[in-house]
Amino acid sequence: MTTLIFSTLQIKGKTFRNRVVMPPMVVNRGIHTPEGWEWYARHARGGVALVIVEAADSICFGTEYTVENLRPLVEGIQREGALAAIQIFPGWRGQKVQPAQLSLDEIRKLVDSYRLAAEICMEAGFDGLEPHGAHGFLLNQFFSPEQNLRSDTYGGSIEGRMRLALEILETIQPIAAQAGTLLLYRHTPVRAGYAIPESLALARELIQRGLDILDISPASQHAPGDRAAPFMQLGVPVIAVNELDRLERAEEVLREKRADLVAVGRGLIADPDWPLKVQQGRLADIVACTYCDDCFACLDRDEPVVCSQWR
């Protein structure tokens, strides 16, 4: 029943031991601290193929995030048999910046912050880099015609609205290529003012500039992985997400070829051993996510994420 989930996958010399991904989830433990290092190593130990470390602010690399305090994070994940990627957030999560507010100089500085972040992450040993272009954050706002009100080369047409994302990828691609590191991009395929056709156009341009994996989030409620499925035609692996800790949903995604990889989010907060328990047929032992959203409430309070199912 679970042979698809536990089949291996090769992407540019990197071996994924199965099809399960831990997606980037902010948990307020500090990715550059012993508590954060242990959190991610523990989840790698649970059997996932790829750990995508939570959004790290691009402007904090070189000060808050260094090679020295990220290397233990990477080594802990890799020691447990998983690949280690990191999501890089555009700017600083506490800032509420609209595309029209940024000067050209500020845009250049943002792109440069991705360059430094990539250099530090490569030296720390990450297997993958993922610019965060989803969920209404800054890169996603640039892509949305309803949120991007610029009239210069970074706005207006779809070519202008995708320019920032493409410049970031063009900047980090040579750095990643030299280190043999995978490039991912997280994108929300349907949002204010755009839909799947426009998102496919962006994805094609990203792939032309060296993208290796498309991370599509979220799905709709109609069918698991439905919004990831159109991107399978583009020739690079695709990650789907949304309640895929429900085994039948994850299997459906892979069986129907809607995605190559399935991301399990809150289910892995509830039970880091979800992959191992599924593989061993210990379904009754899984500590199941109840979708109560207590974990999100922790974020609202700026507290470390915990789960109501922990005992």
Protein backbone atom coordinates (compact mmCIF):
# COMPACT_ATOMS: atom_id res chain seq x y z
CA MET A 1 0.00 0.00 0.00
CA THR A 2 2.83 2.40 0.78
CA THR A 3 5.40 1.38 -1.81
CA LEU A 4 5.12 4.69 -3.69
CA ILE A 5 5.76 6.76 -0.58
CA PHE A 6 8.87 4.81 0.28
CA SER A 7 10.40 4.64 -3.17
CA THR A 8 13.63 6.57 -3.60
CA LEU A 9 14.11 9.56 -5.89
CA GLN A 10 17.27 10.94 -7.48
CA ILE A 11 17.52 14.66 -8.23
CA LYS A 12 20.82 15.93 -9.62
CA GLY A 13 22.93 13.49 -7.66
CA LYS A 14 20.95 13.85 -4.43
CA THR A 15 19.20 10.72 -3.14
CA PHE A 16 15.82 11.14 -1.46
CA ARG A 17 15.32 8.02 0.65
CA ASN A 18 11.55 8.29 0.25
CA ARG A 19 8.92 10.80 -0.92
CA VAL A 20 8.18 12.49 2.44
CA VAL A 21 9.21 16.13 2.98
CA MET A 22 9.15 18.15 6.17
CA PRO A 23 8.01 21.56 4.88
CA PRO A 24 9.27 24.86 6.29
CA MET A 25 7.35 25.63 9.48
CA VAL A 26 8.32 28.42 11.86
CA VAL A 27 8.54 26.90 15.36
CA ASN A 28 10.29 29.68 17.32
CA ARG A 29 13.18 27.55 18.57
CA GLY A 30 15.99 29.37 16.79
CA ILE A 31 17.60 27.55 13.89
CA HIS A 32 21.01 28.76 15.10
CA THR A 33 20.62 27.43 18.66
CA PRO A 34 21.05 23.97 20.26
CA GLU A 35 17.28 23.76 20.77
CA GLY A 36 16.67 24.38 17.08
CA TRP A 37 19.42 22.00 16.01
CA GLU A 38 17.86 19.22 18.10
CA TRP A 39 14.34 19.95 16.80
CA TYR A 40 15.37 19.45 13.20
CA ALA A 41 17.68 16.49 13.87
CA ARG A 42 14.84 14.80 15.75
CA HIS A 43 12.51 15.18 12.78
CA ALA A 44 15.14 13.87 10.39
CA ARG A 45 15.50 10.85 12.68
CA GLY A 46 11.80 10.18 12.18
CA GLY A 47 12.42 9.13 8.59
CA VAL A 48 11.68 12.04 6.25
CA ALA A 49 13.70 12.32 3.06
CA LEU A 50 14.07 16.11 3.05
CA VAL A 51 13.91 18.66 5.85
CA ILE A 52 13.24 22.22 4.69
CA VAL A 53 14.27 24.46 7.58
CA GLU A 54 11.85 27.24 8.41
CA ALA A 55 12.00 30.67 6.78
CA ALA A 56 15.23 32.45 7.64
CA ASP A 57 15.23 36.19 7.05
CA SER A 58 17.57 37.01 4.18
CA ILE A 59 18.89 40.18 5.82
CA CYS A 60 19.98 38.28 8.94
CA PHE A 61 22.67 36.24 7.19
CA GLY A 62 26.17 37.27 8.15
CA THR A 63 25.01 38.60 11.53
CA GLU A 64 22.40 36.39 13.20
CA TYR A 65 22.98 33.42 10.88
CA THR A 66 26.56 32.37 10.25
CA VAL A 67 28.39 29.37 8.85
CA GLU A 68 29.41 28.44 12.38
CA ASN A 69 25.91 28.38 13.88
CA LEU A 70 24.18 26.83 10.86
CA ARG A 71 26.64 24.00 10.26
CA PRO A 72 25.52 22.05 13.39
CA LEU A 73 21.93 22.34 12.12
CA VAL A 74 22.88 20.88 8.74
CA GLU A 75 25.08 18.16 10.19
CA GLY A 76 22.37 17.06 12.62
CA ILE A 77 19.83 16.63 9.83
CA GLN A 78 22.24 14.87 7.49
CA ARG A 79 23.55 12.59 10.25
CA GLU A 80 20.02 11.22 10.62
CA GLY A 81 19.83 10.35 6.91
CA ALA A 82 17.79 13.26 5.55
CA LEU A 83 18.71 15.99 3.09
CA ALA A 84 18.83 19.52 4.52
CA ALA A 85 17.36 22.53 2.70
CA ILE A 86 16.56 25.97 4.03
CA GLN A 87 13.87 28.44 3.07
CA ILE A 88 15.07 32.03 2.71
CA PHE A 89 12.53 34.73 3.46
CA PRO A 90 12.68 38.04 1.55
CA GLY A 91 13.80 40.62 4.07
CA TRP A 92 12.60 40.40 7.63
CA ARG A 93 9.32 38.75 8.66
CA GLY A 94 8.43 41.54 11.08
CA GLN A 95 8.32 44.16 8.34
CA LYS A 96 5.07 44.86 6.52
CA VAL A 97 6.41 46.14 3.21
CA GLN A 98 4.42 46.51 0.02
CA PRO A 99 6.10 46.22 -3.40
CA ALA A 100 5.41 49.86 -4.24
CA GLN A 101 7.25 51.03 -1.11
CA LEU A 102 10.63 49.62 -2.14
CA SER A 103 13.09 51.81 -4.01
CA LEU A 104 15.27 50.33 -6.73
CA ASP A 105 18.21 50.51 -4.36
CA GLU A 106 16.28 48.59 -1.72
CA ILE A 107 15.39 45.93 -4.29
CA ARG A 108 19.06 45.60 -5.22
CA LYS A 109 19.96 45.23 -1.55
CA LEU A 110 17.29 42.54 -1.16
CA VAL A 111 18.73 40.58 -4.08
CA ASP A 112 22.23 41.01 -2.63
CA SER A 113 21.00 39.66 0.71
CA TYR A 114 20.06 36.44 -1.09
CA ARG A 115 23.56 36.25 -2.54
CA LEU A 116 25.15 36.44 0.90
CA ALA A 117 22.59 33.99 2.32
CA ALA A 118 23.38 31.50 -0.44
CA GLU A 119 27.13 31.80 0.12
CA ILE A 120 26.75 31.17 3.85
CA CYS A 121 24.32 28.29 3.35
CA MET A 122 26.62 26.64 0.83
CA GLU A 123 29.57 26.83 3.19
CA ALA A 124 27.39 25.45 5.99
CA GLY A 125 26.63 22.42 3.80
CA PHE A 126 22.94 22.69 2.94
CA ASP A 127 21.64 20.38 0.20
CA GLY A 128 19.01 22.86 -0.98
CA LEU A 129 17.98 26.53 -1.02
CA GLU A 130 14.37 27.71 -1.28
CA PRO A 131 13.37 31.34 -1.82
CA HIS A 132 9.95 31.90 -0.21
CA GLY A 133 7.61 33.13 -2.94
CA ALA A 134 4.30 31.99 -1.48
CA HIS A 135 1.46 32.78 0.94
CA GLY A 136 1.16 36.49 0.32
CA PHE A 137 4.65 37.42 1.48
CA LEU A 138 6.80 39.92 -0.39
CA LEU A 139 7.89 37.87 -3.44
CA ASN A 140 4.33 36.62 -3.81
CA GLN A 141 3.05 40.19 -3.57
CA PHE A 142 5.36 41.23 -6.39
CA PHE A 143 3.78 38.52 -8.56
CA SER A 144 0.20 39.55 -7.77
CA PRO A 145 -1.25 42.26 -10.06
CA GLU A 146 -3.61 43.26 -7.26
CA GLN A 147 -0.79 43.82 -4.77
CA ASN A 148 2.02 44.99 -7.03
CA LEU A 149 1.12 48.53 -8.02
CA ARG A 150 4.56 49.46 -9.37
CA SER A 151 4.80 51.12 -12.78
CA ASP A 152 8.50 50.42 -13.40
CA THR A 153 10.23 47.26 -14.64
CA TYR A 154 9.22 45.38 -11.47
CA GLY A 155 5.49 45.81 -12.02
CA GLY A 156 2.76 45.99 -14.61
CA SER A 157 3.09 43.06 -17.02
CA ILE A 158 3.65 39.51 -15.87
CA GLU A 159 7.25 39.87 -17.03
CA GLY A 160 7.70 42.79 -14.66
CA ARG A 161 5.91 41.08 -11.80
CA MET A 162 8.10 37.98 -12.00
CA ARG A 163 11.33 39.95 -12.41
CA LEU A 164 12.34 40.01 -8.74
CA ALA A 165 11.92 36.26 -8.28
CA LEU A 166 13.94 35.60 -11.43
CA GLU A 167 16.72 37.98 -10.40
CA ILE A 168 17.01 36.25 -7.04
CA LEU A 169 17.25 32.85 -8.69
CA GLU A 170 19.79 34.09 -11.23
CA THR A 171 21.85 35.47 -8.35
CA ILE A 172 21.95 32.31 -6.24
CA GLN A 173 22.05 29.72 -9.05
CA PRO A 174 25.80 29.94 -9.79
CA ILE A 175 26.55 29.68 -6.06
CA ALA A 176 24.32 26.64 -5.69
CA ALA A 177 25.63 25.03 -8.87
CA GLN A 178 29.22 25.29 -7.71
CA ALA A 179 28.32 23.47 -4.48
CA GLY A 180 26.02 20.91 -6.15
CA THR A 181 23.08 22.28 -4.20
CA LEU A 182 19.44 21.97 -5.27
CA LEU A 183 17.33 25.05 -5.93
CA LEU A 184 13.70 25.02 -4.80
CA TYR A 185 11.03 27.71 -5.02
CA ARG A 186 7.86 27.83 -2.95
CA HIS A 187 4.91 29.31 -4.81
CA THR A 188 1.19 29.72 -4.20
CA PRO A 189 -0.43 28.82 -7.55
CA VAL A 190 -3.73 30.72 -7.15
CA ARG A 191 -4.03 34.05 -5.37
CA ALA A 192 -5.24 37.61 -5.77
CA GLY A 193 -5.29 38.49 -9.45
CA TYR A 194 -3.63 35.40 -10.90
CA ALA A 195 -4.31 31.70 -11.42
CA ILE A 196 -2.64 28.52 -12.67
CA PRO A 197 -1.73 29.77 -16.20
CA GLU A 198 0.24 32.73 -14.84
CA SER A 199 1.89 30.51 -12.24
CA LEU A 200 2.93 28.06 -14.93
CA ALA A 201 4.55 30.94 -16.83
CA LEU A 202 6.55 31.89 -13.74
CA ALA A 203 7.55 28.27 -13.14
CA ARG A 204 8.81 27.89 -16.71
CA GLU A 205 11.01 30.95 -16.33
CA LEU A 206 12.36 29.74 -13.00
CA ILE A 207 13.20 26.36 -14.52
CA GLN A 208 15.03 28.02 -17.40
CA ARG A 209 17.21 29.72 -14.78
CA GLY A 210 18.13 26.49 -13.03
CA LEU A 211 15.28 25.62 -10.67
CA ASP A 212 15.34 21.96 -9.59
CA ILE A 213 12.17 21.52 -7.50
CA LEU A 214 8.82 23.33 -7.41
CA ASP A 215 7.25 23.52 -3.95
CA ILE A 216 3.55 24.25 -4.51
CA SER A 217 1.47 25.39 -1.54
CA PRO A 218 -1.34 25.03 -0.77
CA ALA A 219 -3.77 22.66 -2.48
CA SER A 220 -7.49 23.33 -2.67
CA GLN A 221 -9.98 21.31 -0.67
CA HIS A 222 -11.24 19.46 -3.76
CA ALA A 223 -8.56 16.80 -4.13
CA PRO A 224 -5.15 16.27 -2.50
CA GLY A 225 -2.35 17.82 -4.53
CA ASP A 226 -4.73 19.17 -7.17
CA ARG A 227 -2.99 22.51 -7.59
CA ALA A 228 0.44 20.90 -7.76
CA ALA A 229 -0.65 18.58 -10.58
CA PRO A 230 -0.49 21.10 -13.48
CA PHE A 231 3.19 21.72 -12.73
CA MET A 232 4.11 18.08 -13.32
CA GLN A 233 4.18 18.80 -17.06
CA LEU A 234 7.21 21.07 -16.69
CA GLY A 235 9.79 18.35 -16.19
CA VAL A 236 11.07 19.05 -12.66
CA PRO A 237 9.97 17.34 -9.43
CA VAL A 238 7.01 18.88 -7.62
CA ILE A 239 6.15 18.96 -3.90
CA ALA A 240 2.50 18.95 -2.81
CA VAL A 241 1.16 19.75 0.67
CA ASN A 242 -2.12 20.02 2.64
CA GLU A 243 -3.29 17.36 5.11
CA LEU A 244 -1.02 14.74 3.59
CA ASP A 245 -0.41 13.15 6.99
CA ARG A 246 -3.65 11.39 6.11
CA LEU A 247 -2.07 8.41 4.46
CA GLU A 248 -4.78 7.82 1.89
CA ARG A 249 -4.40 11.40 0.66
CA ALA A 250 -0.62 11.14 0.35
CA GLU A 251 -0.94 7.89 -1.57
CA GLU A 252 -3.52 9.40 -3.89
CA VAL A 253 -1.18 12.29 -4.75
CA LEU A 254 1.62 9.93 -5.75
CA ARG A 255 -0.59 7.32 -7.41
CA GLU A 256 -2.35 9.91 -9.56
CA LYS A 257 1.00 11.59 -10.35
CA ARG A 258 -0.10 14.96 -9.02
CA ALA A 259 3.32 15.41 -7.38
CA ASP A 260 6.59 13.59 -6.86
CA LEU A 261 6.99 14.43 -3.18
CA VAL A 262 4.47 14.87 -0.35
CA ALA A 263 5.01 17.38 2.43
CA VAL A 264 3.69 16.52 5.89
CA GLY A 265 3.54 19.60 8.11
CA ARG A 266 1.48 19.65 11.28
CA GLY A 267 1.42 15.85 11.25
CA LEU A 268 5.17 15.88 11.85
CA ILE A 269 4.80 18.36 14.69
CA ALA A 270 2.35 15.97 16.31
CA ASP A 271 4.50 12.90 15.61
CA PRO A 272 8.06 13.24 14.25
CA ASP A 273 8.08 9.46 13.69
CA TRP A 274 5.16 9.53 11.24
CA PRO A 275 7.29 8.26 8.30
CA LEU A 276 8.87 5.41 10.25
CA LYS A 277 5.55 4.33 11.76
CA VAL A 278 3.88 4.33 8.34
CA GLN A 279 6.76 2.38 6.81
CA GLN A 280 6.64 -0.17 9.63
CA GLY A 281 2.85 -0.53 9.43
CA ARG A 282 2.38 0.92 12.92
CA LEU A 283 -0.50 3.15 11.93
CA ALA A 284 -2.29 2.72 15.25
CA ASP A 285 0.77 4.13 17.04
CA ILE A 286 0.77 7.43 15.14
CA VAL A 287 0.05 10.49 17.24
CA ALA A 288 -2.38 12.07 14.81
CA CYS A 289 -2.79 15.78 14.19
CA THR A 290 -6.35 16.85 15.05
CA TYR A 291 -6.10 20.17 13.13
CA CYS A 292 -6.92 22.08 16.30
CA ASP A 293 -4.43 24.81 15.31
CA ASP A 294 -2.92 25.13 18.77
CA CYS A 295 0.45 25.23 17.00
CA PHE A 296 -0.61 28.34 15.10
CA ALA A 297 -1.83 29.90 18.34
CA CYS A 298 1.73 29.54 19.67
CA LEU A 299 2.98 31.56 16.71
CA ASP A 300 0.43 34.28 17.43
CA ARG A 301 1.85 34.49 20.95
CA ASP A 302 5.45 34.35 19.65
CA GLU A 303 6.06 31.20 21.70
CA PRO A 304 7.79 27.94 20.75
CA VAL A 305 5.33 25.74 18.89
CA VAL A 306 3.84 22.84 20.87
CA CYS A 307 1.12 20.32 20.04
CA SER A 308 -2.04 19.59 21.99
CA GLN A 309 -1.52 15.87 21.23
CA TRP A 310 1.80 15.65 23.06
CA ARG A 311 1.57 13.65 26.25
